[in-house]
């Protein structure tokens, strides 16, 4: 015979607390991004502008498991774009290959953070993949 089980109160609505935690995490991430150094903020703006174009339903940034190669190629394209912009301003900055080596890593990290922020944005829905 079916026996009715009574759920404790804390188990009846477990998700609202999860939404609050997610919102807190995003708020903390945005606050910490405001403390980035000047160059990193500039790169963040470029990355954000490019991801605005990729922010549509079915985009690869919302895949459940984004392809590592595509993210690497996207970060390389962004690094090349930043490099071209920097060379227009200061032609001598193209002569520093070691700078662009670590700059590619920085762009890749900033790109992953920006994708994380967009995937978990509470305005667009939680965990959009």
C-alpha atoms as a PDB file:
ATOM      1  CA  UNK A   1       0.000   0.000   0.000  1.00  0.00           C
ATOM      2  CA  UNK A   2       1.164   3.536  -0.741  1.00  0.00           C
ATOM      3  CA  UNK A   3       2.330   5.281   2.364  1.00  0.00           C
ATOM      4  CA  UNK A   4       2.337   9.050   2.322  1.00  0.00           C
ATOM      5  CA  UNK A   5       5.636  10.596   3.384  1.00  0.00           C
ATOM      6  CA  UNK A   6       5.769  14.071   4.780  1.00  0.00           C
ATOM      7  CA  UNK A   7       8.734  16.134   3.642  1.00  0.00           C
ATOM      8  CA  UNK A   8      10.498  18.418   6.085  1.00  0.00           C
ATOM      9  CA  UNK A   9      10.035  22.111   5.390  1.00  0.00           C
ATOM     10  CA  UNK A  10      13.629  22.714   4.287  1.00  0.00           C
ATOM     11  CA  UNK A  11      13.261  20.069   1.548  1.00  0.00           C
ATOM     12  CA  UNK A  12      10.051  21.414   0.027  1.00  0.00           C
ATOM     13  CA  UNK A  13      11.635  24.382  -1.758  1.00  0.00           C
ATOM     14  CA  UNK A  14      15.384  23.790  -2.030  1.00  0.00           C
ATOM     15  CA  UNK A  15      16.025  25.897  -5.144  1.00  0.00           C
ATOM     16  CA  UNK A  16      15.383  29.466  -3.927  1.00  0.00           C
ATOM     17  CA  UNK A  17      18.492  29.315  -1.775  1.00  0.00           C
ATOM     18  CA  UNK A  18      20.447  28.083  -4.793  1.00  0.00           C
ATOM     19  CA  UNK A  19      19.358  31.127  -6.821  1.00  0.00           C
ATOM     20  CA  UNK A  20      20.503  33.449  -4.046  1.00  0.00           C
ATOM     21  CA  UNK A  21      23.896  31.746  -3.891  1.00  0.00           C
ATOM     22  CA  UNK A  22      24.308  32.049  -7.649  1.00  0.00           C
ATOM     23  CA  UNK A  23      23.390  35.732  -7.601  1.00  0.00           C
ATOM     24  CA  UNK A  24      25.888  36.338  -4.789  1.00  0.00           C
ATOM     25  CA  UNK A  25      28.639  34.598  -6.746  1.00  0.00           C
ATOM     26  CA  UNK A  26      27.974  36.695  -9.856  1.00  0.00           C
ATOM     27  CA  UNK A  27      27.881  39.900  -7.810  1.00  0.00           C
ATOM     28  CA  UNK A  28      31.218  39.009  -6.175  1.00  0.00           C
ATOM     29  CA  UNK A  29      32.768  38.206  -9.555  1.00  0.00           C
ATOM     30  CA  UNK A  30      31.641  41.538 -11.008  1.00  0.00           C
ATOM     31  CA  UNK A  31      32.979  43.409  -7.977  1.00  0.00           C
ATOM     32  CA  UNK A  32      36.360  41.706  -8.243  1.00  0.00           C
ATOM     33  CA  UNK A  33      36.489  42.438 -11.969  1.00  0.00           C
ATOM     34  CA  UNK A  34      36.253  46.132 -11.149  1.00  0.00           C
ATOM     35  CA  UNK A  35      39.609  45.787  -9.377  1.00  0.00           C
ATOM     36  CA  UNK A  36      41.421  44.506 -12.465  1.00  0.00           C
ATOM     37  CA  UNK A  37      44.499  46.456 -13.588  1.00  0.00           C
ATOM     38  CA  UNK A  38      43.988  49.041 -16.338  1.00  0.00           C
ATOM     39  CA  UNK A  39      45.181  46.806 -19.185  1.00  0.00           C
ATOM     40  CA  UNK A  40      43.048  43.866 -18.037  1.00  0.00           C
ATOM     41  CA  UNK A  41      39.970  46.114 -17.894  1.00  0.00           C
ATOM     42  CA  UNK A  42      40.642  47.209 -21.463  1.00  0.00           C
ATOM     43  CA  UNK A  43      40.953  43.602 -22.593  1.00  0.00           C
ATOM     44  CA  UNK A  44      37.790  42.728 -20.677  1.00  0.00           C
ATOM     45  CA  UNK A  45      35.870  45.385 -22.634  1.00  0.00           C
ATOM     46  CA  UNK A  46      37.107  43.960 -25.949  1.00  0.00           C
ATOM     47  CA  UNK A  47      36.172  40.431 -24.859  1.00  0.00           C
ATOM     48  CA  UNK A  48      32.751  41.583 -23.689  1.00  0.00           C
ATOM     49  CA  UNK A  49      32.108  43.319 -27.016  1.00  0.00           C
ATOM     50  CA  UNK A  50      33.002  40.187 -28.974  1.00  0.00           C
ATOM     51  CA  UNK A  51      30.900  37.949 -26.721  1.00  0.00           C
ATOM     52  CA  UNK A  52      27.933  40.316 -27.187  1.00  0.00           C
ATOM     53  CA  UNK A  53      27.946  39.186 -30.822  1.00  0.00           C
ATOM     54  CA  UNK A  54      28.086  35.522 -29.753  1.00  0.00           C
ATOM     55  CA  UNK A  55      25.336  35.898 -27.155  1.00  0.00           C
ATOM     56  CA  UNK A  56      22.395  34.212 -28.892  1.00  0.00           C
ATOM     57  CA  UNK A  57      20.350  31.085 -28.373  1.00  0.00           C
ATOM     58  CA  UNK A  58      22.328  28.027 -29.475  1.00  0.00           C
ATOM     59  CA  UNK A  59      25.700  29.767 -29.317  1.00  0.00           C
ATOM     60  CA  UNK A  60      28.776  27.701 -28.534  1.00  0.00           C
ATOM     61  CA  UNK A  61      29.265  29.644 -25.309  1.00  0.00           C
ATOM     62  CA  UNK A  62      26.063  28.073 -23.982  1.00  0.00           C
ATOM     63  CA  UNK A  63      26.971  24.494 -24.870  1.00  0.00           C
ATOM     64  CA  UNK A  64      26.878  22.151 -21.905  1.00  0.00           C
ATOM     65  CA  UNK A  65      30.544  21.335 -22.526  1.00  0.00           C
ATOM     66  CA  UNK A  66      32.091  24.094 -24.659  1.00  0.00           C
ATOM     67  CA  UNK A  67      34.741  22.869 -27.088  1.00  0.00           C
ATOM     68  CA  UNK A  68      38.217  23.622 -25.772  1.00  0.00           C
ATOM     69  CA  UNK A  69      39.623  24.160 -29.271  1.00  0.00           C
ATOM     70  CA  UNK A  70      36.921  26.695 -30.166  1.00  0.00           C
ATOM     71  CA  UNK A  71      37.549  28.635 -26.945  1.00  0.00           C
ATOM     72  CA  UNK A  72      41.290  28.578 -27.647  1.00  0.00           C
ATOM     73  CA  UNK A  73      40.741  29.833 -31.218  1.00  0.00           C
ATOM     74  CA  UNK A  74      38.390  32.556 -29.990  1.00  0.00           C
ATOM     75  CA  UNK A  75      40.939  33.708 -27.398  1.00  0.00           C
ATOM     76  CA  UNK A  76      43.684  33.684 -30.058  1.00  0.00           C
ATOM     77  CA  UNK A  77      41.512  35.818 -32.375  1.00  0.00           C
ATOM     78  CA  UNK A  78      40.841  38.261 -29.529  1.00  0.00           C
ATOM     79  CA  UNK A  79      44.569  38.415 -28.697  1.00  0.00           C
ATOM     80  CA  UNK A  80      45.381  39.124 -32.355  1.00  0.00           C
ATOM     81  CA  UNK A  81      42.762  41.871 -32.453  1.00  0.00           C
ATOM     82  CA  UNK A  82      44.170  43.495 -29.292  1.00  0.00           C
ATOM     83  CA  UNK A  83      47.684  43.191 -30.701  1.00  0.00           C
ATOM     84  CA  UNK A  84      46.680  44.949 -33.938  1.00  0.00           C
ATOM     85  CA  UNK A  85      45.015  47.751 -31.943  1.00  0.00           C
ATOM     86  CA  UNK A  86      48.112  48.139 -29.759  1.00  0.00           C
ATOM     87  CA  UNK A  87      50.412  48.242 -32.797  1.00  0.00           C
ATOM     88  CA  UNK A  88      48.323  51.047 -34.303  1.00  0.00           C
ATOM     89  CA  UNK A  89      48.866  53.103 -31.150  1.00  0.00           C
ATOM     90  CA  UNK A  90      52.490  52.099 -30.492  1.00  0.00           C
ATOM     91  CA  UNK A  91      54.313  50.350 -33.396  1.00  0.00           C
ATOM     92  CA  UNK A  92      57.212  49.304 -31.123  1.00  0.00           C
ATOM     93  CA  UNK A  93      55.019  47.008 -28.983  1.00  0.00           C
ATOM     94  CA  UNK A  94      55.003  44.339 -31.714  1.00  0.00           C
ATOM     95  CA  UNK A  95      58.677  43.661 -30.953  1.00  0.00           C
ATOM     96  CA  UNK A  96      57.939  42.011 -27.566  1.00  0.00           C
ATOM     97  CA  UNK A  97      57.011  38.354 -28.231  1.00  0.00           C
ATOM     98  CA  UNK A  98      57.237  37.389 -24.541  1.00  0.00           C
ATOM     99  CA  UNK A  99      54.557  39.964 -23.704  1.00  0.00           C
ATOM    100  CA  UNK A 100      52.119  38.431 -26.179  1.00  0.00           C
ATOM    101  CA  UNK A 101      52.841  34.930 -24.879  1.00  0.00           C
ATOM    102  CA  UNK A 102      51.466  35.647 -21.408  1.00  0.00           C
ATOM    103  CA  UNK A 103      48.909  38.083 -22.806  1.00  0.00           C
ATOM    104  CA  UNK A 104      47.277  35.182 -24.667  1.00  0.00           C
ATOM    105  CA  UNK A 105      46.945  33.309 -21.378  1.00  0.00           C
ATOM    106  CA  UNK A 106      45.420  36.368 -19.708  1.00  0.00           C
ATOM    107  CA  UNK A 107      42.908  36.803 -22.526  1.00  0.00           C
ATOM    108  CA  UNK A 108      41.952  33.137 -22.293  1.00  0.00           C
ATOM    109  CA  UNK A 109      41.325  33.433 -18.545  1.00  0.00           C
ATOM    110  CA  UNK A 110      39.300  36.632 -18.950  1.00  0.00           C
ATOM    111  CA  UNK A 111      37.299  34.967 -21.732  1.00  0.00           C
ATOM    112  CA  UNK A 112      36.439  31.993 -19.503  1.00  0.00           C
ATOM    113  CA  UNK A 113      35.326  34.318 -16.692  1.00  0.00           C
ATOM    114  CA  UNK A 114      33.140  36.331 -19.056  1.00  0.00           C
ATOM    115  CA  UNK A 115      31.549  33.172 -20.472  1.00  0.00           C
ATOM    116  CA  UNK A 116      30.935  31.898 -16.934  1.00  0.00           C
ATOM    117  CA  UNK A 117      29.270  35.181 -16.022  1.00  0.00           C
ATOM    118  CA  UNK A 118      27.001  35.062 -19.082  1.00  0.00           C
ATOM    119  CA  UNK A 119      26.064  31.416 -18.593  1.00  0.00           C
ATOM    120  CA  UNK A 120      25.042  32.010 -14.981  1.00  0.00           C
ATOM    121  CA  UNK A 121      23.437  35.401 -15.380  1.00  0.00           C
ATOM    122  CA  UNK A 122      20.211  35.431 -13.350  1.00  0.00           C
ATOM    123  CA  UNK A 123      18.535  37.882 -15.729  1.00  0.00           C
ATOM    124  CA  UNK A 124      18.760  35.380 -18.581  1.00  0.00           C
ATOM    125  CA  UNK A 125      17.964  32.299 -16.520  1.00  0.00           C
ATOM    126  CA  UNK A 126      20.125  30.184 -14.333  1.00  0.00           C
ATOM    127  CA  UNK A 127      22.538  27.659 -15.781  1.00  0.00           C
ATOM    128  CA  UNK A 128      21.774  28.277 -19.433  1.00  0.00           C
ATOM    129  CA  UNK A 129      23.093  25.198 -21.207  1.00  0.00           C
END
